[in-house]
Structure formats: C-alpha cells, structure tokens
PDB file of N, CA and C in Angstrom:
ATOM      1  N   MET A   1     121.066  59.852 103.994  1.00  0.00           N
ATOM      2  CA  MET A   1     119.616  60.297 102.565  1.00  0.00           C
ATOM      3  C   MET A   1     119.815  59.673 101.551  1.00  0.00           C
ATOM      4  N   LYS A   2     118.641  60.169 100.868  1.00  0.00           N
ATOM      5  CA  LYS A   2     118.768  59.204  99.803  1.00  0.00           C
ATOM      6  C   LYS A   2     119.387  61.125  98.864  1.00  0.00           C
ATOM      7  N   THR A   3     120.135  59.892  98.008  1.00  0.00           N
ATOM      8  CA  THR A   3     120.569  61.329  96.671  1.00  0.00           C
ATOM      9  C   THR A   3     119.573  60.600  94.649  1.00  0.00           C
ATOM     10  N   TYR A   4     119.525  61.442  94.096  1.00  0.00           N
ATOM     11  CA  TYR A   4     118.158  61.330  93.246  1.00  0.00           C
ATOM     12  C   TYR A   4     119.956  62.262  92.408  1.00  0.00           C
ATOM     13  N   SER A   5     119.467  61.546  90.834  1.00  0.00           N
ATOM     14  CA  SER A   5     120.169  61.872  89.574  1.00  0.00           C
ATOM     15  C   SER A   5     118.778  61.596  89.107  1.00  0.00           C
ATOM     16  N   VAL A   6     120.146  63.233  87.810  1.00  0.00           N
ATOM     17  CA  VAL A   6     119.306  63.641  86.904  1.00  0.00           C
ATOM     18  C   VAL A   6     119.249  63.590  85.758  1.00  0.00           C
ATOM     19  N   HIS A   7     118.967  63.034  84.996  1.00  0.00           N
ATOM     20  CA  HIS A   7     118.805  62.965  83.620  1.00  0.00           C
ATOM     21  C   HIS A   7     118.938  64.665  82.538  1.00  0.00           C
ATOM     22  N   PRO A   8     118.962  64.817  81.872  1.00  0.00           N
ATOM     23  CA  PRO A   8     119.120  66.249  81.125  1.00  0.00           C
ATOM     24  C   PRO A   8     118.205  65.912  79.857  1.00  0.00           C
ATOM     25  N   ILE A   9     117.687  66.748  79.705  1.00  0.00           N
ATOM     26  CA  ILE A   9     116.493  66.478  78.530  1.00  0.00           C
ATOM     27  C   ILE A   9     116.556  67.178  77.221  1.00  0.00           C
ATOM     28  N   GLY A  10     117.233  68.544  76.532  1.00  0.00           N
ATOM     29  CA  GLY A  10     117.738  69.469  76.094  1.00  0.00           C
ATOM     30  C   GLY A  10     118.872  70.406  76.515  1.00  0.00           C
ATOM     31  N   ILE A  11     119.216  71.956  76.479  1.00  0.00           N
ATOM     32  CA  ILE A  11     119.835  73.047  76.151  1.00  0.00           C
ATOM     33  C   ILE A  11     118.654  74.259  75.680  1.00  0.00           C
ATOM     34  N   ILE A  12     120.267  74.587  76.486  1.00  0.00           N
ATOM     35  CA  ILE A  12     119.569  76.809  76.305  1.00  0.00           C
ATOM     36  C   ILE A  12     120.269  76.652  74.913  1.00  0.00           C
ATOM     37  N   HIS A  13     119.634  77.162  74.393  1.00  0.00           N
ATOM     38  CA  HIS A  13     120.493  78.208  73.974  1.00  0.00           C
ATOM     39  C   HIS A  13     120.315  79.861  73.536  1.00  0.00           C
ATOM     40  N   THR A  14     121.709  80.743  74.184  1.00  0.00           N
ATOM     41  CA  THR A  14     121.430  81.930  73.603  1.00  0.00           C
ATOM     42  C   THR A  14     122.618  83.235  73.552  1.00  0.00           C
ATOM     43  N   PRO A  15     122.329  83.720  73.460  1.00  0.00           N
ATOM     44  CA  PRO A  15     123.343  84.983  72.806  1.00  0.00           C
ATOM     45  C   PRO A  15     124.022  85.806  73.292  1.00  0.00           C
ATOM     46  N   TYR A  16     124.738  85.089  75.153  1.00  0.00           N
ATOM     47  CA  TYR A  16     125.429  85.003  75.365  1.00  0.00           C
ATOM     48  C   TYR A  16     126.654  84.133  76.321  1.00  0.00           C
ATOM     49  N   HIS A  17     127.692  83.866  75.728  1.00  0.00           N
ATOM     50  CA  HIS A  17     128.723  82.963  75.566  1.00  0.00           C
ATOM     51  C   HIS A  17     129.544  82.785  77.019  1.00  0.00           C
ATOM     52  N   GLU A  18     129.528  84.688  77.540  1.00  0.00           N
ATOM     53  CA  GLU A  18     130.689  83.957  78.671  1.00  0.00           C
ATOM     54  C   GLU A  18     129.187  84.631  79.684  1.00  0.00           C
ATOM     55  N   LYS A  19     129.827  83.783  81.294  1.00  0.00           N
ATOM     56  CA  LYS A  19     128.373  84.047  82.118  1.00  0.00           C
ATOM     57  C   LYS A  19     128.749  86.120  82.944  1.00  0.00           C
ATOM     58  N   TYR A  20     129.338  86.428  82.341  1.00  0.00           N
ATOM     59  CA  TYR A  20     129.736  88.273  82.558  1.00  0.00           C
ATOM     60  C   TYR A  20     129.443  89.018  81.967  1.00  0.00           C
ATOM     61  N   ASP A  21     128.721  88.240  80.741  1.00  0.00           N
ATOM     62  CA  ASP A  21     127.737  88.921  78.437  1.00  0.00           C
ATOM     63  C   ASP A  21     126.213  89.126  79.432  1.00  0.00           C
ATOM     64  N   ALA A  22     125.606  87.533  80.044  1.00  0.00           N
ATOM     65  CA  ALA A  22     124.773  88.129  80.596  1.00  0.00           C
ATOM     66  C   ALA A  22     123.800  88.650  81.285  1.00  0.00           C
ATOM     67  N   PRO A  23     122.544  89.568  81.553  1.00  0.00           N
ATOM     68  CA  PRO A  23     122.210  90.610  81.885  1.00  0.00           C
ATOM     69  C   PRO A  23     121.921  89.627  83.547  1.00  0.00           C
ATOM     70  N   ARG A  24     122.335  91.040  84.874  1.00  0.00           N
ATOM     71  CA  ARG A  24     122.264  90.072  86.009  1.00  0.00           C
ATOM     72  C   ARG A  24     120.470  90.390  86.702  1.00  0.00           C
ATOM     73  N   GLN A  25     119.954  90.760  86.146  1.00  0.00           N
ATOM     74  CA  GLN A  25     118.404  91.248  86.775  1.00  0.00           C
ATOM     75  C   GLN A  25     117.602  91.747  85.312  1.00  0.00           C
ATOM     76  N   PRO A  26     117.988  91.383  84.325  1.00  0.00           N
ATOM     77  CA  PRO A  26     117.168  91.171  83.442  1.00  0.00           C
ATOM     78  C   PRO A  26     115.486  92.135  83.370  1.00  0.00           C
ATOM     79  N   ALA A  27     114.830  92.920  83.590  1.00  0.00           N
ATOM     80  CA  ALA A  27     113.847  93.517  83.620  1.00  0.00           C
ATOM     81  C   ALA A  27     113.986  93.831  81.811  1.00  0.00           C
ATOM     82  N   ARG A  28     112.159  94.653  82.001  1.00  0.00           N
ATOM     83  CA  ARG A  28     112.113  95.045  80.048  1.00  0.00           C
ATOM     84  C   ARG A  28     112.502  96.341  80.153  1.00  0.00           C
ATOM     85  N   ASN A  29     113.008  97.540  81.154  1.00  0.00           N
ATOM     86  CA  ASN A  29     113.494  98.566  80.747  1.00  0.00           C
ATOM     87  C   ASN A  29     114.996  98.214  81.677  1.00  0.00           C
ATOM     88  N   GLU A  30     115.158  97.365  81.088  1.00  0.00           N
ATOM     89  CA  GLU A  30     116.714  96.914  81.420  1.00  0.00           C
ATOM     90  C   GLU A  30     117.652  96.524  80.081  1.00  0.00           C
ATOM     91  N   LEU A  31     116.894  96.330  79.190  1.00  0.00           N
ATOM     92  CA  LEU A  31     117.406  95.143  78.125  1.00  0.00           C
ATOM     93  C   LEU A  31     118.644  95.779  77.358  1.00  0.00           C
ATOM     94  N   PRO A  32     119.977  95.418  76.919  1.00  0.00           N
ATOM     95  CA  PRO A  32     121.111  96.085  77.012  1.00  0.00           C
ATOM     96  C   PRO A  32     121.272  96.534  75.897  1.00  0.00           C
ATOM     97  N   GLU A  33     120.377  96.256  74.690  1.00  0.00           N
ATOM     98  CA  GLU A  33     120.076  96.116  73.169  1.00  0.00           C
ATOM     99  C   GLU A  33     119.141  96.926  72.730  1.00  0.00           C
ATOM    100  N   LYS A  34     119.431  97.943  72.344  1.00  0.00           N
ATOM    101  CA  LYS A  34     117.724  98.524  72.203  1.00  0.00           C
ATOM    102  C   LYS A  34     117.427  99.001  69.936  1.00  0.00           C
ATOM    103  N   GLN A  35     117.485  99.118  69.416  1.00  0.00           N
ATOM    104  CA  GLN A  35     116.656  99.171  68.199  1.00  0.00           C
ATOM    105  C   GLN A  35     115.731 100.774  68.134  1.00  0.00           C
ATOM    106  N   GLY A  36     116.223 100.995  67.254  1.00  0.00           N
ATOM    107  CA  GLY A  36     115.645 102.046  66.853  1.00  0.00           C
ATOM    108  C   GLY A  36     114.318 103.377  67.647  1.00  0.00           C
ATOM    109  N   GLY A  37     114.840 102.993  69.153  1.00  0.00           N
ATOM    110  CA  GLY A  37     114.499 103.768  70.541  1.00  0.00           C
ATOM    111  C   GLY A  37     113.499 102.658  70.825  1.00  0.00           C
ATOM    112  N   ALA A  38     112.940 101.144  69.482  1.00  0.00           N
ATOM    113  CA  ALA A  38     112.263 100.130  70.834  1.00  0.00           C
ATOM    114  C   ALA A  38     113.187  98.838  70.879  1.00  0.00           C
ATOM    115  N   GLU A  39     112.506  98.744  72.376  1.00  0.00           N
ATOM    116  CA  GLU A  39     113.665  97.316  72.954  1.00  0.00           C
ATOM    117  C   GLU A  39     113.007  96.434  72.727  1.00  0.00           C
ATOM    118  N   LYS A  40     114.475  95.561  71.129  1.00  0.00           N
ATOM    119  CA  LYS A  40     115.548  94.525  71.003  1.00  0.00           C
ATOM    120  C   LYS A  40     115.111  92.792  71.304  1.00  0.00           C
ATOM    121  N   PRO A  41     114.181  92.511  71.281  1.00  0.00           N
ATOM    122  CA  PRO A  41     113.813  91.651  72.355  1.00  0.00           C
ATOM    123  C   PRO A  41     115.257  90.495  72.135  1.00  0.00           C
ATOM    124  N   ILE A  42     115.703  90.715  73.482  1.00  0.00           N
ATOM    125  CA  ILE A  42     116.871  88.855  73.349  1.00  0.00           C
ATOM    126  C   ILE A  42     116.223  87.625  72.616  1.00  0.00           C
ATOM    127  N   ILE A  43     115.778  86.922  72.362  1.00  0.00           N
ATOM    128  CA  ILE A  43     115.702  85.549  71.364  1.00  0.00           C
ATOM    129  C   ILE A  43     117.163  84.441  72.916  1.00  0.00           C
ATOM    130  N   GLY A  44     116.278  83.654  73.040  1.00  0.00           N
ATOM    131  CA  GLY A  44     116.928  82.100  73.174  1.00  0.00           C
ATOM    132  C   GLY A  44     115.641  81.081  72.716  1.00  0.00           C
ATOM    133  N   THR A  45     116.466  80.275  73.414  1.00  0.00           N
ATOM    134  CA  THR A  45     115.789  79.413  72.227  1.00  0.00           C
ATOM    135  C   THR A  45     116.620  77.894  73.148  1.00  0.00           C
ATOM    136  N   ILE A  46     115.334  76.794  73.569  1.00  0.00           N
ATOM    137  CA  ILE A  46     115.748  75.794  74.043  1.00  0.00           C
ATOM    138  C   ILE A  46     115.365  74.737  72.611  1.00  0.00           C
ATOM    139  N   GLU A  47     116.882  73.899  72.614  1.00  0.00           N
ATOM    140  CA  GLU A  47     116.864  72.264  71.437  1.00  0.00           C
ATOM    141  C   GLU A  47     116.875  71.271  72.363  1.00  0.00           C
ATOM    142  N   LEU A  48     115.153  70.913  72.815  1.00  0.00           N
ATOM    143  CA  LEU A  48     115.238  69.424  73.658  1.00  0.00           C
ATOM    144  C   LEU A  48     116.202  68.099  72.692  1.00  0.00           C
ATOM    145  N   PHE A  49     115.994  66.576  72.531  1.00  0.00           N
ATOM    146  CA  PHE A  49     116.983  66.622  72.219  1.00  0.00           C
ATOM    147  C   PHE A  49     115.733  65.039  71.656  1.00  0.00           C
ATOM    148  N   PRO A  50     116.707  64.859  70.850  1.00  0.00           N
ATOM    149  CA  PRO A  50     115.261  64.248  70.242  1.00  0.00           C
ATOM    150  C   PRO A  50     115.510  62.413  69.885  1.00  0.00           C
ATOM    151  N   HIS A  51     114.327  62.713  69.905  1.00  0.00           N
ATOM    152  CA  HIS A  51     114.454  60.227  70.237  1.00  0.00           C
ATOM    153  C   HIS A  51     113.172  59.963  71.376  1.00  0.00           C
ATOM    154  N   GLN A  52     112.330  61.311  71.495  1.00  0.00           N
ATOM    155  CA  GLN A  52     112.169  60.594  72.904  1.00  0.00           C
ATOM    156  C   GLN A  52     110.777  61.097  72.937  1.00  0.00           C
ATOM    157  N   ASN A  53     110.457  61.512  72.426  1.00  0.00           N
ATOM    158  CA  ASN A  53     109.453  61.983  72.484  1.00  0.00           C
ATOM    159  C   ASN A  53     108.774  63.027  72.952  1.00  0.00           C
ATOM    160  N   PHE A  54     109.544  63.936  73.011  1.00  0.00           N
ATOM    161  CA  PHE A  54     109.598  65.168  73.861  1.00  0.00           C
ATOM    162  C   PHE A  54     108.512  66.393  72.868  1.00  0.00           C
ATOM    163  N   GLU A  55     108.111  66.275  71.409  1.00  0.00           N
ATOM    164  CA  GLU A  55     107.141  66.912  70.806  1.00  0.00           C
ATOM    165  C   GLU A  55     105.904  66.582  71.076  1.00  0.00           C
ATOM    166  N   GLN A  56     106.037  64.808  72.201  1.00  0.00           N
ATOM    167  CA  GLN A  56     104.266  64.527  72.457  1.00  0.00           C
ATOM    168  C   GLN A  56     103.861  65.661  73.610  1.00  0.00           C
ATOM    169  N   ALA A  57     104.309  65.189  74.645  1.00  0.00           N
ATOM    170  CA  ALA A  57     105.677  66.441  76.080  1.00  0.00           C
ATOM    171  C   ALA A  57     105.293  68.055  75.593  1.00  0.00           C
ATOM    172  N   THR A  58     105.180  68.099  74.487  1.00  0.00           N
ATOM    173  CA  THR A  58     105.246  69.957  74.499  1.00  0.00           C
ATOM    174  C   THR A  58     104.022  70.435  73.556  1.00  0.00           C
ATOM    175  N   ASP A  59     103.122  69.328  73.794  1.00  0.00           N
ATOM    176  CA  ASP A  59     102.160  69.812  73.120  1.00  0.00           C
ATOM    177  C   ASP A  59     100.719  70.700  73.674  1.00  0.00           C
ATOM    178  N   ASP A  60     100.335  71.184  73.800  1.00  0.00           N
ATOM    179  CA  ASP A  60      99.915  72.556  74.272  1.00  0.00           C
ATOM    180  C   ASP A  60     100.372  73.727  74.875  1.00  0.00           C
ATOM    181  N   LEU A  61     101.765  73.633  74.676  1.00  0.00           N
ATOM    182  CA  LEU A  61     102.267  74.349  75.653  1.00  0.00           C
ATOM    183  C   LEU A  61     102.187  75.918  75.043  1.00  0.00           C
ATOM    184  N   ALA A  62     101.550  76.191  73.559  1.00  0.00           N
ATOM    185  CA  ALA A  62     100.957  77.740  72.854  1.00  0.00           C
ATOM    186  C   ALA A  62     100.278  78.019  73.349  1.00  0.00           C
ATOM    187  N   GLY A  63      99.674  77.873  73.913  1.00  0.00           N
ATOM    188  CA  GLY A  63      98.344  78.862  74.877  1.00  0.00           C
ATOM    189  C   GLY A  63      98.896  79.054  76.058  1.00  0.00           C
ATOM    190  N   PHE A  64      99.957  78.688  76.382  1.00  0.00           N
ATOM    191  CA  PHE A  64     100.520  79.186  77.317  1.00  0.00           C
ATOM    192  C   PHE A  64     101.630  81.002  77.258  1.00  0.00           C
ATOM    193  N   GLU A  65     100.998  81.400  78.616  1.00  0.00           N
ATOM    194  CA  GLU A  65     102.681  83.398  78.108  1.00  0.00           C
ATOM    195  C   GLU A  65     103.575  82.650  78.799  1.00  0.00           C
ATOM    196  N   TYR A  66     103.962  82.029  80.593  1.00  0.00           N
ATOM    197  CA  TYR A  66     105.002  81.011  79.932  1.00  0.00           C
ATOM    198  C   TYR A  66     105.519  79.724  80.930  1.00  0.00           C
ATOM    199  N   ILE A  67     106.151  79.586  80.815  1.00  0.00           N
ATOM    200  CA  ILE A  67     106.780  78.074  80.819  1.00  0.00           C
ATOM    201  C   ILE A  67     107.664  77.932  82.185  1.00  0.00           C
ATOM    202  N   TRP A  68     107.150  77.073  83.540  1.00  0.00           N
ATOM    203  CA  TRP A  68     108.734  77.160  84.338  1.00  0.00           C
ATOM    204  C   TRP A  68     109.931  76.711  83.683  1.00  0.00           C
ATOM    205  N   ILE A  69     110.551  76.628  83.963  1.00  0.00           N
ATOM    206  CA  ILE A  69     112.612  76.036  83.418  1.00  0.00           C
ATOM    207  C   ILE A  69     113.444  76.478  84.440  1.00  0.00           C
ATOM    208  N   ILE A  70     113.649  74.196  85.184  1.00  0.00           N
ATOM    209  CA  ILE A  70     114.402  73.905  86.397  1.00  0.00           C
ATOM    210  C   ILE A  70     116.001  74.106  85.615  1.00  0.00           C
ATOM    211  N   PHE A  71     116.789  73.551  85.158  1.00  0.00           N
ATOM    212  CA  PHE A  71     117.307  73.763  85.175  1.00  0.00           C
ATOM    213  C   PHE A  71     119.693  73.638  85.641  1.00  0.00           C
ATOM    214  N   LEU A  72     120.178  73.437  84.963  1.00  0.00           N
ATOM    215  CA  LEU A  72     121.937  73.315  86.135  1.00  0.00           C
ATOM    216  C   LEU A  72     122.590  74.145  85.316  1.00  0.00           C
ATOM    217  N   PHE A  73     123.597  74.674  87.082  1.00  0.00           N
ATOM    218  CA  PHE A  73     124.402  75.037  86.577  1.00  0.00           C
ATOM    219  C   PHE A  73     125.719  74.318  85.795  1.00  0.00           C
ATOM    220  N   ASP A  74     125.841  73.995  84.712  1.00  0.00           N
ATOM    221  CA  ASP A  74     126.468  73.454  84.425  1.00  0.00           C
ATOM    222  C   ASP A  74     128.689  73.437  84.535  1.00  0.00           C
ATOM    223  N   LYS A  75     129.096  74.791  84.952  1.00  0.00           N
ATOM    224  CA  LYS A  75     130.172  75.836  85.217  1.00  0.00           C
ATOM    225  C   LYS A  75     129.964  75.653  86.051  1.00  0.00           C
ATOM    226  N   ASN A  76     129.608  76.195  86.969  1.00  0.00           N
ATOM    227  CA  ASN A  76     129.456  76.245  88.481  1.00  0.00           C
ATOM    228  C   ASN A  76     130.709  75.025  88.995  1.00  0.00           C
ATOM    229  N   GLY A  77     131.324  75.899  89.843  1.00  0.00           N
ATOM    230  CA  GLY A  77     132.436  75.315  90.650  1.00  0.00           C
ATOM    231  C   GLY A  77     132.144  74.279  92.308  1.00  0.00           C
ATOM    232  N   GLU A  78     132.515  75.280  92.530  1.00  0.00           N
ATOM    233  CA  GLU A  78     132.307  74.301  94.124  1.00  0.00           C
ATOM    234  C   GLU A  78     131.681  75.702  94.827  1.00  0.00           C
ATOM    235  N   TRP A  79     131.339  75.623  95.896  1.00  0.00           N
ATOM    236  CA  TRP A  79     129.640  76.861  95.592  1.00  0.00           C
ATOM    237  C   TRP A  79     130.497  77.180  97.623  1.00  0.00           C
ATOM    238  N   LYS A  80     129.559  78.673  97.946  1.00  0.00           N
ATOM    239  CA  LYS A  80     130.526  79.174  98.077  1.00  0.00           C
ATOM    240  C   LYS A  80     128.466  80.072  99.690  1.00  0.00           C
ATOM    241  N   PRO A  81     128.817  79.674 100.919  1.00  0.00           N
ATOM    242  CA  PRO A  81     127.752  80.143 101.497  1.00  0.00           C
ATOM    243  C   PRO A  81     127.750  81.495 102.035  1.00  0.00           C
ATOM    244  N   LYS A  82     128.581  82.316 101.449  1.00  0.00           N
ATOM    245  CA  LYS A  82     128.478  83.091 101.341  1.00  0.00           C
ATOM    246  C   LYS A  82     128.650  84.410 101.162  1.00  0.00           C
ATOM    247  N   VAL A  83     127.957  85.462  99.634  1.00  0.00           N
ATOM    248  CA  VAL A  83     128.310  85.618  98.061  1.00  0.00           C
ATOM    249  C   VAL A  83     128.259  86.820  98.704  1.00  0.00           C
ATOM    250  N   LEU A  84     128.856  88.405  97.521  1.00  0.00           N
ATOM    251  CA  LEU A  84     128.534  89.498  98.126  1.00  0.00           C
ATOM    252  C   LEU A  84     127.937  89.986  96.422  1.00  0.00           C
ATOM    253  N   PRO A  85     126.514  90.354  97.182  1.00  0.00           N
ATOM    254  CA  PRO A  85     125.636  90.556  95.942  1.00  0.00           C
ATOM    255  C   PRO A  85     126.543  91.701  95.175  1.00  0.00           C
ATOM    256  N   PRO A  86     125.750  91.464  93.946  1.00  0.00           N
ATOM    257  CA  PRO A  86     125.920  92.868  92.889  1.00  0.00           C
ATOM    258  C   PRO A  86     126.269  94.078  93.285  1.00  0.00           C
ATOM    259  N   ARG A  87     124.898  95.096  93.526  1.00  0.00           N
ATOM    260  CA  ARG A  87     125.289  95.848  94.262  1.00  0.00           C
ATOM    261  C   ARG A  87     125.176  95.766  95.956  1.00  0.00           C
ATOM    262  N   GLY A  88     125.672  94.718  96.248  1.00  0.00           N
ATOM    263  CA  GLY A  88     125.703  94.648  97.389  1.00  0.00           C
ATOM    264  C   GLY A  88     126.437  95.469  98.246  1.00  0.00           C
ATOM    265  N   ARG A  89     126.868  95.958  99.751  1.00  0.00           N
ATOM    266  CA  ARG A  89     127.397  97.041 100.614  1.00  0.00           C
ATOM    267  C   ARG A  89     128.654  94.915 101.549  1.00  0.00           C
ATOM    268  N   LYS A  90     128.369  94.379 101.875  1.00  0.00           N
ATOM    269  CA  LYS A  90     128.451  93.283 102.191  1.00  0.00           C
ATOM    270  C   LYS A  90     127.498  91.620 102.305  1.00  0.00           C
ATOM    271  N   LYS A  91     128.693  90.964 102.137  1.00  0.00           N
ATOM    272  CA  LYS A  91     128.787  89.353 102.276  1.00  0.00           C
ATOM    273  C   LYS A  91     126.814  88.767 102.323  1.00  0.00           C
ATOM    274  N   ARG A  92     126.571  87.862 102.239  1.00  0.00           N
ATOM    275  CA  ARG A  92     124.939  87.553 102.067  1.00  0.00           C
ATOM    276  C   ARG A  92     125.270  85.879 102.531  1.00  0.00           C
ATOM    277  N   GLY A  93     124.775  85.485 102.877  1.00  0.00           N
ATOM    278  CA  GLY A  93     124.195  83.415 102.914  1.00  0.00           C
ATOM    279  C   GLY A  93     123.354  83.199 101.150  1.00  0.00           C
ATOM    280  N   VAL A  94     124.038  82.587 100.919  1.00  0.00           N
ATOM    281  CA  VAL A  94     123.517  81.874  99.158  1.00  0.00           C
ATOM    282  C   VAL A  94     122.056  82.540  99.514  1.00  0.00           C
ATOM    283  N   PHE A  95     121.624  81.800 100.310  1.00  0.00           N
ATOM    284  CA  PHE A  95     120.177  81.126 100.121  1.00  0.00           C
ATOM    285  C   PHE A  95     118.932  81.748 100.587  1.00  0.00           C
ATOM    286  N   ALA A  96     119.521  84.022 100.336  1.00  0.00           N
ATOM    287  CA  ALA A  96     119.113  84.919 100.696  1.00  0.00           C
ATOM    288  C   ALA A  96     119.789  85.704  99.460  1.00  0.00           C
ATOM    289  N   THR A  97     120.411  85.532  98.584  1.00  0.00           N
ATOM    290  CA  THR A  97     120.331  85.615  97.477  1.00  0.00           C
ATOM    291  C   THR A  97     119.867  84.148  95.610  1.00  0.00           C
ATOM    292  N   ARG A  98     120.544  85.672  94.895  1.00  0.00           N
ATOM    293  CA  ARG A  98     119.555  84.474  93.313  1.00  0.00           C
ATOM    294  C   ARG A  98     121.851  83.939  92.943  1.00  0.00           C
ATOM    295  N   SER A  99     122.628  83.968  93.082  1.00  0.00           N
ATOM    296  CA  SER A  99     123.217  83.554  93.156  1.00  0.00           C
ATOM    297  C   SER A  99     123.586  81.641  92.491  1.00  0.00           C
ATOM    298  N   PRO A 100     124.672  81.548  91.308  1.00  0.00           N
ATOM    299  CA  PRO A 100     124.192  80.311  91.102  1.00  0.00           C
ATOM    300  C   PRO A 100     125.357  79.249  91.862  1.00  0.00           C
ATOM    301  N   HIS A 101     125.851  79.940  92.100  1.00  0.00           N
ATOM    302  CA  HIS A 101     126.633  79.075  93.330  1.00  0.00           C
ATOM    303  C   HIS A 101     125.905  78.505  94.641  1.00  0.00           C
ATOM    304  N   ARG A 102     126.079  76.936  94.778  1.00  0.00           N
ATOM    305  CA  ARG A 102     124.960  76.339  95.222  1.00  0.00           C
ATOM    306  C   ARG A 102     125.459  75.820  96.241  1.00  0.00           C
ATOM    307  N   PRO A 103     125.240  74.124  97.357  1.00  0.00           N
ATOM    308  CA  PRO A 103     125.445  73.869  97.093  1.00  0.00           C
ATOM    309  C   PRO A 103     125.407  72.642  96.066  1.00  0.00           C
ATOM    310  N   ASN A 104     124.072  72.941  95.732  1.00  0.00           N
ATOM    311  CA  ASN A 104     123.524  71.756  93.902  1.00  0.00           C
ATOM    312  C   ASN A 104     123.282  72.415  92.991  1.00  0.00           C
ATOM    313  N   PRO A 105     123.773  72.668  92.282  1.00  0.00           N
ATOM    314  CA  PRO A 105     123.175  73.326  90.310  1.00  0.00           C
ATOM    315  C   PRO A 105     121.979  73.353  89.719  1.00  0.00           C
ATOM    316  N   ILE A 106     121.245  73.327  90.418  1.00  0.00           N
ATOM    317  CA  ILE A 106     119.404  73.823  90.220  1.00  0.00           C
ATOM    318  C   ILE A 106     119.998  74.757  89.870  1.00  0.00           C
ATOM    319  N   GLY A 107     119.085  75.581  88.883  1.00  0.00           N
ATOM    320  CA  GLY A 107     118.148  76.792  89.390  1.00  0.00           C
ATOM    321  C   GLY A 107     117.158  76.711  88.675  1.00  0.00           C
TER     322      GLY A 107
END
C-alpha cells in the first residue's frame, strides 16, 4: 500500500483553546456569542508559514465567498471504529459521523 507524507503550510488560530469549547455543529442561529441581540461572528485566522511563496499562492482568493480548508486533527490519540454522536443514543460507525477520531487525522 502506498503511503503519503504531508508538510504543514500553516496553522489555524481560533478563540477556542480546548476541544470541548468549540461548537459541535456551528450554524448561524447557534453561534454561542450574542452582541446586543445581533449575532457576533466568531473570528479565526489562518497563519501561513513565511518564506514559501504562499503569498502568491493565495492571490485571487478575495473573489470567493468560501474556500475549502484541509487540516490535520493534531491532538487526536487513537481512532475508534464506533463512536457515540453528541445527541445520539447508539454508537455508529465513525465514517457515518463527523467524529475526528478516524484512522488518519485528515479533517
């Protein structure tokens, strides 16, 4: 079986420092922070590592409303073939869920 290696190109910063602080299923009407009755957006940033020409690679992104981000769950331990979803009553196969506990850490 072929193996692959990946090299990080940056890091994501959010206001959440513990995994249990992050929203489980974020949606516009479920944002945890409100400001004067209006929703206050949760801001995160992506810091690309310097000196690798990533500035050129990000040219023209400003015209898009959304981008896809592929990341690694760097703090997960071992994976589990069956997991209990947050509001579930029975364990399900990990590939039928959004659980981060997978055979590889790709998210």
